[in-house]
Amino acid sequence: MKFIMIATALTFCISACEFDSVPHVADPKNVVVDGEPMTQRAFVEKYCIGKPLNETCIKVQSALSASNAKSKTGVPRF
């Protein structure tokens, strides 16, 4: 019984720390952290390494992938 309680508490602490370390981004196409603009790639490299299930990281990575799939003229590259 104690093991289950300790495991639950440890899981809660780890998940809480993970969510605190990734700032919320309102627009994943135009990343702004603490009032400073940041590229999508820089955001992913700084905050999302080792956090593949974080909701904000997923949104920014999806926006980054979509922007990389377009050429400068706006035509999709495949």
PDB file of N, CA and C in Angstrom:
ATOM      1  N   MET A   1       0.822  -1.195   0.000  1.00  0.00           N
ATOM      2  CA  MET A   1       0.000   0.000   0.000  1.00  0.00           C
ATOM      3  C   MET A   1       0.864   1.256   0.000  1.00  0.00           C
ATOM      4  N   LYS A   2       1.910   1.244   0.848  1.00  0.00           N
ATOM      5  CA  LYS A   2       2.795   2.401   0.899  1.00  0.00           C
ATOM      6  C   LYS A   2       3.503   2.605  -0.440  1.00  0.00           C
ATOM      7  N   PHE A   3       3.859   1.497  -1.095  1.00  0.00           N
ATOM      8  CA  PHE A   3       4.551   1.597  -2.379  1.00  0.00           C
ATOM      9  C   PHE A   3       3.683   2.315  -3.409  1.00  0.00           C
ATOM     10  N   ILE A   4       2.407   2.000  -3.431  1.00  0.00           N
ATOM     11  CA  ILE A   4       1.485   2.639  -4.385  1.00  0.00           C
ATOM     12  C   ILE A   4       1.367   4.127  -4.096  1.00  0.00           C
ATOM     13  N   MET A   5       1.283   4.489  -2.836  1.00  0.00           N
ATOM     14  CA  MET A   5       1.174   5.900  -2.475  1.00  0.00           C
ATOM     15  C   MET A   5       2.449   6.662  -2.830  1.00  0.00           C
ATOM     16  N   ILE A   6       3.597   6.053  -2.576  1.00  0.00           N
ATOM     17  CA  ILE A   6       4.873   6.695  -2.904  1.00  0.00           C
ATOM     18  C   ILE A   6       5.017   6.824  -4.413  1.00  0.00           C
ATOM     19  N   ALA A   7       4.672   5.785  -5.156  1.00  0.00           N
ATOM     20  CA  ALA A   7       4.766   5.827  -6.618  1.00  0.00           C
ATOM     21  C   ALA A   7       3.840   6.886  -7.195  1.00  0.00           C
ATOM     22  N   THR A   8       2.643   7.001  -6.642  1.00  0.00           N
ATOM     23  CA  THR A   8       1.697   8.012  -7.108  1.00  0.00           C
ATOM     24  C   THR A   8       2.220   9.418  -6.828  1.00  0.00           C
ATOM     25  N   ALA A   9       2.744   9.630  -5.642  1.00  0.00           N
ATOM     26  CA  ALA A   9       3.291  10.945  -5.289  1.00  0.00           C
ATOM     27  C   ALA A   9       4.483  11.288  -6.165  1.00  0.00           C
ATOM     28  N   LEU A  10       5.350  10.327  -6.410  1.00  0.00           N
ATOM     29  CA  LEU A  10       6.519  10.564  -7.254  1.00  0.00           C
ATOM     30  C   LEU A  10       6.104  10.883  -8.686  1.00  0.00           C
ATOM     31  N   THR A  11       5.138  10.153  -9.199  1.00  0.00           N
ATOM     32  CA  THR A  11       4.636  10.411 -10.556  1.00  0.00           C
ATOM     33  C   THR A  11       4.042  11.815 -10.652  1.00  0.00           C
ATOM     34  N   PHE A  12       3.285  12.214  -9.649  1.00  0.00           N
ATOM     35  CA  PHE A  12       2.694  13.546  -9.635  1.00  0.00           C
ATOM     36  C   PHE A  12       3.776  14.625  -9.628  1.00  0.00           C
ATOM     37  N   CYS A  13       4.801  14.447  -8.820  1.00  0.00           N
ATOM     38  CA  CYS A  13       5.885  15.440  -8.736  1.00  0.00           C
ATOM     39  C   CYS A  13       6.633  15.548 -10.057  1.00  0.00           C
ATOM     40  N   ILE A  14       6.919  14.414 -10.669  1.00  0.00           N
ATOM     41  CA  ILE A  14       7.650  14.429 -11.941  1.00  0.00           C
ATOM     42  C   ILE A  14       6.815  15.087 -13.027  1.00  0.00           C
ATOM     43  N   SER A  15       5.536  14.759 -13.101  1.00  0.00           N
ATOM     44  CA  SER A  15       4.687  15.352 -14.138  1.00  0.00           C
ATOM     45  C   SER A  15       4.481  16.837 -13.892  1.00  0.00           C
ATOM     46  N   ALA A  16       4.394  17.259 -12.650  1.00  0.00           N
ATOM     47  CA  ALA A  16       4.244  18.682 -12.345  1.00  0.00           C
ATOM     48  C   ALA A  16       5.489  19.449 -12.752  1.00  0.00           C
ATOM     49  N   CYS A  17       6.645  18.887 -12.528  1.00  0.00           N
ATOM     50  CA  CYS A  17       7.893  19.552 -12.918  1.00  0.00           C
ATOM     51  C   CYS A  17       7.998  19.658 -14.432  1.00  0.00           C
ATOM     52  N   GLU A  18       7.557  18.630 -15.131  1.00  0.00           N
ATOM     53  CA  GLU A  18       7.630  18.647 -16.586  1.00  0.00           C
ATOM     54  C   GLU A  18       6.770  19.756 -17.165  1.00  0.00           C
ATOM     55  N   PHE A  19       5.573  19.951 -16.652  1.00  0.00           N
ATOM     56  CA  PHE A  19       4.684  20.965 -17.201  1.00  0.00           C
ATOM     57  C   PHE A  19       5.155  22.369 -16.856  1.00  0.00           C
ATOM     58  N   ASP A  20       5.822  22.543 -15.731  1.00  0.00           N
ATOM     59  CA  ASP A  20       6.304  23.860 -15.350  1.00  0.00           C
ATOM     60  C   ASP A  20       7.472  24.308 -16.214  1.00  0.00           C
ATOM     61  N   SER A  21       8.221  23.378 -16.770  1.00  0.00           N
ATOM     62  CA  SER A  21       9.418  23.760 -17.503  1.00  0.00           C
ATOM     63  C   SER A  21       9.142  24.182 -18.947  1.00  0.00           C
ATOM     64  N   VAL A  22       7.935  23.951 -19.457  1.00  0.00           N
ATOM     65  CA  VAL A  22       7.590  24.352 -20.825  1.00  0.00           C
ATOM     66  C   VAL A  22       6.584  25.496 -20.746  1.00  0.00           C
ATOM     67  N   PRO A  23       6.972  26.693 -21.196  1.00  0.00           N
ATOM     68  CA  PRO A  23       6.023  27.817 -21.147  1.00  0.00           C
ATOM     69  C   PRO A  23       4.891  27.639 -22.152  1.00  0.00           C
ATOM     70  N   HIS A  24       3.742  28.211 -21.829  1.00  0.00           N
ATOM     71  CA  HIS A  24       2.586  28.165 -22.730  1.00  0.00           C
ATOM     72  C   HIS A  24       2.818  29.115 -23.896  1.00  0.00           C
ATOM     73  N   VAL A  25       2.436  28.689 -25.083  1.00  0.00           N
ATOM     74  CA  VAL A  25       2.556  29.498 -26.294  1.00  0.00           C
ATOM     75  C   VAL A  25       1.160  29.654 -26.872  1.00  0.00           C
ATOM     76  N   ALA A  26       0.702  30.902 -27.003  1.00  0.00           N
ATOM     77  CA  ALA A  26      -0.641  31.161 -27.520  1.00  0.00           C
ATOM     78  C   ALA A  26      -0.754  30.831 -29.009  1.00  0.00           C
ATOM     79  N   ASP A  27       0.259  31.198 -29.788  1.00  0.00           N
ATOM     80  CA  ASP A  27       0.248  30.966 -31.232  1.00  0.00           C
ATOM     81  C   ASP A  27       1.502  30.185 -31.605  1.00  0.00           C
ATOM     82  N   PRO A  28       1.386  28.897 -31.931  1.00  0.00           N
ATOM     83  CA  PRO A  28       2.574  28.108 -32.242  1.00  0.00           C
ATOM     84  C   PRO A  28       3.288  28.531 -33.525  1.00  0.00           C
ATOM     85  N   LYS A  29       2.619  29.321 -34.371  1.00  0.00           N
ATOM     86  CA  LYS A  29       3.278  29.822 -35.578  1.00  0.00           C
ATOM     87  C   LYS A  29       4.146  31.033 -35.274  1.00  0.00           C
ATOM     88  N   ASN A  30       3.787  31.794 -34.248  1.00  0.00           N
ATOM     89  CA  ASN A  30       4.552  32.969 -33.819  1.00  0.00           C
ATOM     90  C   ASN A  30       4.846  32.812 -32.330  1.00  0.00           C
ATOM     91  N   VAL A  31       5.942  32.146 -32.028  1.00  0.00           N
ATOM     92  CA  VAL A  31       6.281  31.811 -30.654  1.00  0.00           C
ATOM     93  C   VAL A  31       6.796  33.051 -29.921  1.00  0.00           C
ATOM     94  N   VAL A  32       6.184  33.324 -28.763  1.00  0.00           N
ATOM     95  CA  VAL A  32       6.611  34.422 -27.893  1.00  0.00           C
ATOM     96  C   VAL A  32       6.708  33.862 -26.475  1.00  0.00           C
ATOM     97  N   VAL A  33       7.891  33.982 -25.873  1.00  0.00           N
ATOM     98  CA  VAL A  33       8.121  33.495 -24.511  1.00  0.00           C
ATOM     99  C   VAL A  33       8.552  34.683 -23.659  1.00  0.00           C
ATOM    100  N   ASP A  34       7.792  34.954 -22.628  1.00  0.00           N
ATOM    101  CA  ASP A  34       8.056  36.081 -21.719  1.00  0.00           C
ATOM    102  C   ASP A  34       8.198  37.404 -22.477  1.00  0.00           C
ATOM    103  N   GLY A  35       7.367  37.602 -23.492  1.00  0.00           N
ATOM    104  CA  GLY A  35       7.370  38.840 -24.251  1.00  0.00           C
ATOM    105  C   GLY A  35       8.441  38.922 -25.324  1.00  0.00           C
ATOM    106  N   GLU A  36       9.266  37.903 -25.446  1.00  0.00           N
ATOM    107  CA  GLU A  36      10.344  37.888 -26.440  1.00  0.00           C
ATOM    108  C   GLU A  36      10.012  36.909 -27.560  1.00  0.00           C
ATOM    109  N   PRO A  37      10.071  37.347 -28.820  1.00  0.00           N
ATOM    110  CA  PRO A  37       9.826  36.415 -29.924  1.00  0.00           C
ATOM    111  C   PRO A  37      10.941  35.383 -30.013  1.00  0.00           C
ATOM    112  N   MET A  38      10.575  34.186 -30.434  1.00  0.00           N
ATOM    113  CA  MET A  38      11.528  33.082 -30.526  1.00  0.00           C
ATOM    114  C   MET A  38      11.143  32.239 -31.734  1.00  0.00           C
ATOM    115  N   THR A  39      12.128  31.706 -32.425  1.00  0.00           N
ATOM    116  CA  THR A  39      11.810  30.834 -33.553  1.00  0.00           C
ATOM    117  C   THR A  39      11.252  29.519 -33.028  1.00  0.00           C
ATOM    118  N   GLN A  40      10.495  28.860 -33.874  1.00  0.00           N
ATOM    119  CA  GLN A  40       9.926  27.569 -33.489  1.00  0.00           C
ATOM    120  C   GLN A  40      11.031  26.560 -33.198  1.00  0.00           C
ATOM    121  N   ARG A  41      12.046  26.555 -34.033  1.00  0.00           N
ATOM    122  CA  ARG A  41      13.156  25.618 -33.852  1.00  0.00           C
ATOM    123  C   ARG A  41      13.884  25.873 -32.532  1.00  0.00           C
ATOM    124  N   ALA A  42      14.113  27.132 -32.190  1.00  0.00           N
ATOM    125  CA  ALA A  42      14.786  27.459 -30.932  1.00  0.00           C
ATOM    126  C   ALA A  42      13.940  27.036 -29.733  1.00  0.00           C
ATOM    127  N   PHE A  43      12.622  27.230 -29.829  1.00  0.00           N
ATOM    128  CA  PHE A  43      11.720  26.823 -28.752  1.00  0.00           C
ATOM    129  C   PHE A  43      11.787  25.321 -28.542  1.00  0.00           C
ATOM    130  N   VAL A  44      11.712  24.563 -29.631  1.00  0.00           N
ATOM    131  CA  VAL A  44      11.746  23.103 -29.533  1.00  0.00           C
ATOM    132  C   VAL A  44      13.075  22.644 -28.938  1.00  0.00           C
ATOM    133  N   GLU A  45      14.173  23.226 -29.388  1.00  0.00           N
ATOM    134  CA  GLU A  45      15.486  22.827 -28.883  1.00  0.00           C
ATOM    135  C   GLU A  45      15.671  23.196 -27.412  1.00  0.00           C
ATOM    136  N   LYS A  46      15.102  24.311 -26.983  1.00  0.00           N
ATOM    137  CA  LYS A  46      15.300  24.762 -25.610  1.00  0.00           C
ATOM    138  C   LYS A  46      14.363  24.084 -24.616  1.00  0.00           C
ATOM    139  N   TYR A  47      13.088  23.924 -24.965  1.00  0.00           N
ATOM    140  CA  TYR A  47      12.092  23.477 -24.000  1.00  0.00           C
ATOM    141  C   TYR A  47      11.557  22.061 -24.224  1.00  0.00           C
ATOM    142  N   CYS A  48      11.700  21.504 -25.414  1.00  0.00           N
ATOM    143  CA  CYS A  48      10.976  20.271 -25.726  1.00  0.00           C
ATOM    144  C   CYS A  48      11.833  19.017 -25.825  1.00  0.00           C
ATOM    145  N   ILE A  49      13.125  19.113 -25.602  1.00  0.00           N
ATOM    146  CA  ILE A  49      13.967  17.927 -25.643  1.00  0.00           C
ATOM    147  C   ILE A  49      13.561  17.003 -24.489  1.00  0.00           C
ATOM    148  N   GLY A  50      13.201  15.777 -24.815  1.00  0.00           N
ATOM    149  CA  GLY A  50      12.814  14.800 -23.809  1.00  0.00           C
ATOM    150  C   GLY A  50      11.387  14.928 -23.317  1.00  0.00           C
ATOM    151  N   LYS A  51      10.578  15.744 -23.993  1.00  0.00           N
ATOM    152  CA  LYS A  51       9.176  15.935 -23.595  1.00  0.00           C
ATOM    153  C   LYS A  51       8.264  15.742 -24.807  1.00  0.00           C
ATOM    154  N   PRO A  52       8.237  14.540 -25.369  1.00  0.00           N
ATOM    155  CA  PRO A  52       7.461  14.323 -26.590  1.00  0.00           C
ATOM    156  C   PRO A  52       5.947  14.363 -26.393  1.00  0.00           C
ATOM    157  N   LEU A  53       5.471  14.269 -25.161  1.00  0.00           N
ATOM    158  CA  LEU A  53       4.027  14.240 -24.928  1.00  0.00           C
ATOM    159  C   LEU A  53       3.475  15.565 -24.422  1.00  0.00           C
ATOM    160  N   ASN A  54       4.317  16.581 -24.293  1.00  0.00           N
ATOM    161  CA  ASN A  54       3.848  17.876 -23.821  1.00  0.00           C
ATOM    162  C   ASN A  54       2.993  18.531 -24.907  1.00  0.00           C
ATOM    163  N   GLU A  55       1.818  19.015 -24.533  1.00  0.00           N
ATOM    164  CA  GLU A  55       0.865  19.570 -25.498  1.00  0.00           C
ATOM    165  C   GLU A  55       1.435  20.773 -26.251  1.00  0.00           C
ATOM    166  N   THR A  56       2.092  21.680 -25.555  1.00  0.00           N
ATOM    167  CA  THR A  56       2.674  22.856 -26.207  1.00  0.00           C
ATOM    168  C   THR A  56       3.763  22.444 -27.179  1.00  0.00           C
ATOM    169  N   CYS A  57       4.601  21.499 -26.783  1.00  0.00           N
ATOM    170  CA  CYS A  57       5.668  21.033 -27.671  1.00  0.00           C
ATOM    171  C   CYS A  57       5.100  20.390 -28.932  1.00  0.00           C
ATOM    172  N   ILE A  58       4.052  19.627 -28.780  1.00  0.00           N
ATOM    173  CA  ILE A  58       3.427  18.989 -29.946  1.00  0.00           C
ATOM    174  C   ILE A  58       2.898  20.042 -30.916  1.00  0.00           C
ATOM    175  N   LYS A  59       2.248  21.085 -30.396  1.00  0.00           N
ATOM    176  CA  LYS A  59       1.703  22.147 -31.252  1.00  0.00           C
ATOM    177  C   LYS A  59       2.806  22.894 -31.989  1.00  0.00           C
ATOM    178  N   VAL A  60       3.874  23.242 -31.282  1.00  0.00           N
ATOM    179  CA  VAL A  60       4.968  23.996 -31.910  1.00  0.00           C
ATOM    180  C   VAL A  60       5.699  23.118 -32.925  1.00  0.00           C
ATOM    181  N   GLN A  61       5.920  21.840 -32.596  1.00  0.00           N
ATOM    182  CA  GLN A  61       6.584  20.942 -33.542  1.00  0.00           C
ATOM    183  C   GLN A  61       5.740  20.729 -34.796  1.00  0.00           C
ATOM    184  N   SER A  62       4.437  20.654 -34.640  1.00  0.00           N
ATOM    185  CA  SER A  62       3.545  20.510 -35.804  1.00  0.00           C
ATOM    186  C   SER A  62       3.603  21.753 -36.686  1.00  0.00           C
ATOM    187  N   ALA A  63       3.601  22.923 -36.062  1.00  0.00           N
ATOM    188  CA  ALA A  63       3.691  24.173 -36.828  1.00  0.00           C
ATOM    189  C   ALA A  63       5.045  24.273 -37.525  1.00  0.00           C
ATOM    190  N   LEU A  64       6.095  23.828 -36.861  1.00  0.00           N
ATOM    191  CA  LEU A  64       7.431  23.841 -37.460  1.00  0.00           C
ATOM    192  C   LEU A  64       7.486  22.904 -38.657  1.00  0.00           C
ATOM    193  N   SER A  65       6.926  21.721 -38.525  1.00  0.00           N
ATOM    194  CA  SER A  65       6.905  20.768 -39.631  1.00  0.00           C
ATOM    195  C   SER A  65       6.109  21.309 -40.816  1.00  0.00           C
ATOM    196  N   ALA A  66       4.992  21.952 -40.531  1.00  0.00           N
ATOM    197  CA  ALA A  66       4.166  22.517 -41.603  1.00  0.00           C
ATOM    198  C   ALA A  66       4.897  23.645 -42.322  1.00  0.00           C
ATOM    199  N   SER A  67       5.602  24.480 -41.568  1.00  0.00           N
ATOM    200  CA  SER A  67       6.318  25.585 -42.209  1.00  0.00           C
ATOM    201  C   SER A  67       7.520  25.081 -42.997  1.00  0.00           C
ATOM    202  N   ASN A  68       8.120  23.971 -42.574  1.00  0.00           N
ATOM    203  CA  ASN A  68       9.246  23.402 -43.315  1.00  0.00           C
ATOM    204  C   ASN A  68       8.800  22.702 -44.588  1.00  0.00           C
ATOM    205  N   ALA A  69       7.529  22.345 -44.679  1.00  0.00           N
ATOM    206  CA  ALA A  69       7.017  21.645 -45.860  1.00  0.00           C
ATOM    207  C   ALA A  69       6.683  22.605 -46.990  1.00  0.00           C
ATOM    208  N   LYS A  70       6.721  23.903 -46.726  1.00  0.00           N
ATOM    209  CA  LYS A  70       6.410  24.887 -47.764  1.00  0.00           C
ATOM    210  C   LYS A  70       7.690  25.513 -48.303  1.00  0.00           C
ATOM    211  N   SER A  71       7.680  25.834 -49.583  1.00  0.00           N
ATOM    212  CA  SER A  71       8.798  26.540 -50.167  1.00  0.00           C
ATOM    213  C   SER A  71       8.597  28.038 -49.949  1.00  0.00           C
ATOM    214  N   LYS A  72       9.542  28.830 -50.367  1.00  0.00           N
ATOM    215  CA  LYS A  72       9.443  30.292 -50.208  1.00  0.00           C
ATOM    216  C   LYS A  72       8.257  30.868 -50.990  1.00  0.00           C
ATOM    217  N   THR A  73       7.841  30.181 -52.051  1.00  0.00           N
ATOM    218  CA  THR A  73       6.713  30.661 -52.848  1.00  0.00           C
ATOM    219  C   THR A  73       5.367  30.196 -52.285  1.00  0.00           C
ATOM    220  N   GLY A  74       5.386  29.354 -51.240  1.00  0.00           N
ATOM    221  CA  GLY A  74       4.160  28.883 -50.630  1.00  0.00           C
ATOM    222  C   GLY A  74       3.660  27.572 -51.184  1.00  0.00           C
ATOM    223  N   VAL A  75       4.364  27.033 -52.180  1.00  0.00           N
ATOM    224  CA  VAL A  75       3.964  25.755 -52.769  1.00  0.00           C
ATOM    225  C   VAL A  75       4.529  24.634 -51.881  1.00  0.00           C
ATOM    226  N   PRO A  76       3.709  23.665 -51.491  1.00  0.00           N
ATOM    227  CA  PRO A  76       4.190  22.574 -50.640  1.00  0.00           C
ATOM    228  C   PRO A  76       5.309  21.783 -51.307  1.00  0.00           C
ATOM    229  N   ARG A  77       6.333  21.445 -50.531  1.00  0.00           N
ATOM    230  CA  ARG A  77       7.424  20.603 -51.009  1.00  0.00           C
ATOM    231  C   ARG A  77       7.199  19.194 -50.490  1.00  0.00           C
ATOM    232  N   PHE A  78       7.268  18.221 -51.377  1.00  0.00           N
ATOM    233  CA  PHE A  78       7.110  16.823 -50.948  1.00  0.00           C
ATOM    234  C   PHE A  78       8.142  15.967 -51.560  1.00  0.00           C
TER     235      PHE A  78
END
